[in-house]
Amino acid sequence: MGRKKKNKNRNGVDLIAYTHPYLPITEQYRLIRTNILFSSVDKEIKSIMVTSADPAEGKSTTSANLAIVLAQQGKKVLLVDTDLRKSTVHYAFNISNIDGLTTVLTKKIDLDDAISKTHIPNLEILSSGPMPPNPSELLNSDAMGKIMNELKNKYDYIVFDTPPVLVVTDSQILANKCDGIVLVVASGKTRKDRALKTKEILEKANTQILGVVVNGVESSRKETYNQYY
């Protein structure tokens, strides 16, 4: 299992929870993890969708680092790139995107063969695969539902990096298939009306909003970090 072709990481996703485990921002990712674990008391939370209102608000960085801190707790974790129009996960982890979710959904490759190991213990990746002409239809297919159920039997946690809610309908399709949602907003960038509209759309889905991550909050020491609510 695994494809080892290398790609340059050009998407700006910083795997800071792995490279700098003692920084305050990494502790914030651990706080997100803790809140998700506490949310699992009354309902099992295995599949976690990470999304935002608009592009470039930090959802892919949050997805990757959340997956890392979950794996660091000894859990078997899979990070899935379901942003089929603008995939980024394969760049961040330096893996090939020749095969991935889309080639599994179209039955060109088996699921196990599409999953890649990473240099981080307990963390594996299912990249998006080549961009299809019909992303929404693929994500809303019976095949996608079967894949998600199969992954739940193989992993302790599955983190789905999904497209922005207000840009395409893909995230709305996945929302009611996942156990919980983490909404990412960018301090000083995400408009309040856009964030509220996104929250309203997600609340209509049959799922649980686990919390909101605010990226780019500036501390009194002029450092930027994230906060979880």
Protein backbone atom coordinates (compact mmCIF):
# COMPACT_ATOMS: atom_id res chain seq x y z
CA MET A 1 0.00 0.00 0.00
CA GLY A 2 1.28 3.42 -0.84
CA ARG A 3 2.64 5.52 -3.66
CA LYS A 4 6.04 7.07 -3.13
CA LYS A 5 6.29 9.55 -6.00
CA LYS A 6 7.22 12.93 -4.62
CA ASN A 7 5.66 16.28 -5.27
CA LYS A 8 6.79 19.63 -4.04
CA ASN A 9 4.63 21.00 -1.23
CA ARG A 10 3.36 24.14 -2.88
CA ASN A 11 0.00 24.60 -1.24
CA GLY A 12 1.16 26.38 1.92
CA VAL A 13 -0.09 23.69 4.34
CA ASP A 14 2.25 23.63 7.33
CA LEU A 15 2.44 20.34 9.23
CA ILE A 16 3.38 22.25 12.36
CA ALA A 17 1.96 19.69 14.78
CA TYR A 18 4.64 17.30 13.51
CA THR A 19 7.55 19.65 12.85
CA HIS A 20 7.10 21.86 15.97
CA PRO A 21 5.28 19.79 18.63
CA TYR A 22 6.03 22.21 21.47
CA LEU A 23 4.80 25.48 19.98
CA PRO A 24 1.62 27.08 21.40
CA ILE A 25 -0.20 26.61 18.09
CA THR A 26 0.37 22.85 18.29
CA GLU A 27 -1.13 22.88 21.76
CA GLN A 28 -4.20 24.54 20.24
CA TYR A 29 -4.55 21.63 17.82
CA ARG A 30 -4.35 19.28 20.79
CA LEU A 31 -7.13 21.30 22.42
CA ILE A 32 -9.26 20.75 19.31
CA ARG A 33 -8.53 17.03 19.63
CA THR A 34 -9.53 17.03 23.30
CA ASN A 35 -12.82 18.79 22.57
CA ILE A 36 -13.63 16.25 19.87
CA LEU A 37 -12.87 13.39 22.25
CA PHE A 38 -15.19 14.92 24.86
CA SER A 39 -17.87 15.26 22.18
CA SER A 40 -17.68 11.48 21.76
CA VAL A 41 -19.07 10.80 25.25
CA ASP A 42 -22.72 10.58 24.14
CA LYS A 43 -22.16 9.86 20.44
CA GLU A 44 -19.34 8.05 18.69
CA ILE A 45 -17.31 10.50 16.62
CA LYS A 46 -15.20 8.67 14.03
CA SER A 47 -15.69 10.64 10.81
CA ILE A 48 -14.85 14.34 11.10
CA MET A 49 -15.46 16.85 8.32
CA VAL A 50 -13.35 20.02 8.25
CA THR A 51 -14.63 22.91 6.14
CA SER A 52 -14.84 26.68 5.84
CA ALA A 53 -17.08 29.31 4.30
CA ASP A 54 -14.68 30.44 1.58
CA PRO A 55 -11.28 29.45 0.14
CA ALA A 56 -7.94 30.23 1.80
CA GLU A 57 -9.26 30.26 5.37
CA GLY A 58 -7.01 27.47 6.67
CA LYS A 59 -9.22 24.40 6.46
CA SER A 60 -6.59 22.18 4.83
CA THR A 61 -3.96 23.17 7.40
CA THR A 62 -6.46 22.46 10.18
CA SER A 63 -7.42 19.11 8.63
CA ALA A 64 -3.81 17.97 8.32
CA ASN A 65 -2.75 19.03 11.80
CA LEU A 66 -5.89 17.65 13.42
CA ALA A 67 -5.17 14.30 11.76
CA ILE A 68 -1.58 14.46 13.03
CA VAL A 69 -2.48 15.13 16.68
CA LEU A 70 -5.11 12.36 16.60
CA ALA A 71 -2.47 9.96 15.23
CA GLN A 72 0.02 11.09 17.87
CA GLN A 73 -2.37 9.77 20.50
CA GLY A 74 -1.84 6.29 19.12
CA LYS A 75 -5.05 6.18 17.09
CA LYS A 76 -5.19 4.82 13.56
CA VAL A 77 -6.10 7.84 11.45
CA LEU A 78 -6.90 8.43 7.77
CA LEU A 79 -6.90 11.89 6.20
CA VAL A 80 -9.10 12.01 3.09
CA ASP A 81 -8.92 14.82 0.53
CA THR A 82 -12.50 15.29 -0.70
CA ASP A 83 -11.80 18.67 -2.25
CA LEU A 84 -12.00 17.13 -5.70
CA ARG A 85 -11.76 20.46 -7.50
CA LYS A 86 -8.71 21.88 -5.71
CA SER A 87 -6.83 19.12 -3.95
CA THR A 88 -3.94 19.97 -1.62
CA VAL A 89 -3.33 17.08 0.76
CA HIS A 90 -0.97 15.21 -1.58
CA TYR A 91 1.31 18.26 -1.79
CA ALA A 92 1.46 18.62 1.99
CA PHE A 93 2.49 15.00 2.50
CA ASN A 94 4.64 14.66 -0.62
CA ILE A 95 2.70 11.79 -2.22
CA SER A 96 1.39 11.12 -5.70
CA ASN A 97 -2.15 12.02 -6.75
CA ILE A 98 -2.27 9.79 -9.81
CA ASP A 99 -4.67 7.52 -7.92
CA GLY A 100 -6.95 8.45 -5.04
CA LEU A 101 -10.59 8.80 -4.05
CA THR A 102 -11.86 9.46 -7.58
CA THR A 103 -10.16 6.40 -9.04
CA VAL A 104 -11.61 4.28 -6.22
CA LEU A 105 -15.11 5.69 -6.80
CA THR A 106 -14.85 4.95 -10.51
CA LYS A 107 -13.60 1.43 -9.74
CA LYS A 108 -10.22 1.88 -11.44
CA ILE A 109 -8.31 0.87 -8.30
CA ASP A 110 -9.08 -0.88 -5.00
CA LEU A 111 -9.43 1.22 -1.87
CA ASP A 112 -6.46 -0.36 -0.09
CA ASP A 113 -4.21 0.28 -3.08
CA ALA A 114 -5.17 3.97 -3.18
CA ILE A 115 -4.21 4.65 0.45
CA SER A 116 -0.70 5.91 1.16
CA LYS A 117 1.36 5.59 4.31
CA THR A 118 3.04 8.74 5.62
CA HIS A 119 6.22 9.47 7.57
CA ILE A 120 3.99 10.11 10.60
CA PRO A 121 3.21 6.99 12.65
CA ASN A 122 -0.48 5.89 12.61
CA LEU A 123 -1.42 8.39 9.88
CA GLU A 124 -2.37 7.38 6.35
CA ILE A 125 -3.67 9.42 3.40
CA LEU A 126 -6.32 8.97 0.75
CA SER A 127 -5.66 11.74 -1.76
CA SER A 128 -8.36 13.12 -4.04
CA GLY A 129 -7.18 11.52 -7.26
CA PRO A 130 -7.58 13.17 -10.68
CA MET A 131 -10.24 15.89 -10.91
CA PRO A 132 -13.49 14.39 -12.26
CA PRO A 133 -16.12 16.16 -14.41
CA ASN A 134 -18.81 15.43 -11.79
CA PRO A 135 -17.43 15.91 -8.24
CA SER A 136 -20.82 16.42 -6.53
CA GLU A 137 -22.34 13.34 -8.14
CA LEU A 138 -19.38 11.18 -7.10
CA LEU A 139 -19.53 12.35 -3.48
CA ASN A 140 -23.30 11.76 -3.39
CA SER A 141 -23.04 8.28 -4.86
CA ASP A 142 -23.80 4.96 -3.17
CA ALA A 143 -20.16 4.06 -3.77
CA MET A 144 -19.04 6.97 -1.57
CA GLY A 145 -21.33 5.85 1.23
CA LYS A 146 -19.93 2.32 1.03
CA ILE A 147 -16.35 3.62 1.11
CA MET A 148 -17.07 5.73 4.20
CA ASN A 149 -18.59 2.75 6.00
CA GLU A 150 -15.61 0.58 5.04
CA LEU A 151 -13.17 3.20 6.34
CA LYS A 152 -15.01 3.40 9.68
CA ASN A 153 -14.29 -0.29 10.16
CA LYS A 154 -10.58 0.19 9.44
CA TYR A 155 -9.70 3.41 11.28
CA ASP A 156 -10.27 5.00 14.65
CA TYR A 157 -10.72 8.42 13.02
CA ILE A 158 -11.26 9.61 9.46
CA VAL A 159 -10.70 13.32 8.81
CA PHE A 160 -12.26 14.71 5.63
CA ASP A 161 -10.78 17.87 4.13
CA THR A 162 -13.74 19.28 2.19
CA PRO A 163 -14.36 22.26 -0.14
CA PRO A 164 -15.67 25.61 1.18
CA VAL A 165 -19.39 25.43 1.90
CA LEU A 166 -20.41 28.63 0.08
CA VAL A 167 -18.45 27.84 -3.08
CA VAL A 168 -19.80 24.40 -4.08
CA THR A 169 -22.38 21.93 -2.72
CA ASP A 170 -19.87 19.13 -2.08
CA SER A 171 -19.51 19.85 1.65
CA GLN A 172 -23.27 19.92 2.14
CA ILE A 173 -23.45 16.47 0.56
CA LEU A 174 -20.79 15.09 2.91
CA ALA A 175 -22.08 16.84 6.03
CA ASN A 176 -24.85 14.37 6.81
CA LYS A 177 -22.55 11.44 6.09
CA CYS A 178 -20.05 12.46 8.82
CA ASP A 179 -20.35 12.19 12.59
CA GLY A 180 -19.24 15.78 13.23
CA ILE A 181 -18.04 18.99 11.63
CA VAL A 182 -15.23 21.41 12.46
CA LEU A 183 -15.80 24.85 10.91
CA VAL A 184 -12.71 26.95 10.17
CA VAL A 185 -12.80 30.75 9.95
CA ALA A 186 -9.96 33.20 9.39
CA SER A 187 -9.54 36.09 11.82
CA GLY A 188 -9.83 39.43 10.02
CA LYS A 189 -10.78 37.74 6.75
CA THR A 190 -13.95 35.68 7.07
CA ARG A 191 -16.99 37.95 6.91
CA LYS A 192 -19.46 37.48 9.74
CA ASP A 193 -22.43 37.08 7.40
CA ARG A 194 -20.56 34.41 5.42
CA ALA A 195 -19.67 32.49 8.58
CA LEU A 196 -23.26 32.66 9.86
CA LYS A 197 -24.64 31.54 6.51
CA THR A 198 -22.24 28.58 6.54
CA LYS A 199 -23.27 27.65 10.07
CA GLU A 200 -26.93 27.84 9.06
CA ILE A 201 -26.37 25.52 6.09
CA LEU A 202 -24.43 23.00 8.16
CA GLU A 203 -27.03 22.98 10.93
CA LYS A 204 -29.62 21.87 8.39
CA ALA A 205 -27.58 18.74 7.77
CA ASN A 206 -28.16 15.77 10.04
CA THR A 207 -24.83 16.09 11.85
CA GLN A 208 -23.13 17.80 14.80
CA ILE A 209 -21.00 20.94 14.66
CA LEU A 210 -18.17 20.04 17.01
CA GLY A 211 -16.72 23.53 17.15
CA VAL A 212 -15.21 26.48 15.31
CA VAL A 213 -11.49 27.00 14.73
CA VAL A 214 -10.42 30.64 14.36
CA ASN A 215 -7.16 30.87 12.42
CA GLY A 216 -4.74 33.78 12.48
CA VAL A 217 -5.59 35.21 15.92
CA GLU A 218 -2.83 37.62 16.96
CA SER A 219 -1.54 37.38 20.51
CA SER A 220 -0.10 40.19 22.60
CA ARG A 221 3.36 38.96 21.57
CA LYS A 222 2.49 39.46 17.88
CA GLU A 223 2.33 35.71 17.30
CA THR A 224 -0.48 34.21 15.28
CA TYR A 225 -2.28 31.05 16.35
CA ASN A 226 -5.69 29.42 16.26
CA GLN A 227 -8.51 29.25 18.78
CA TYR A 228 -11.23 26.62 19.21
CA TYR A 229 -14.80 27.32 20.32
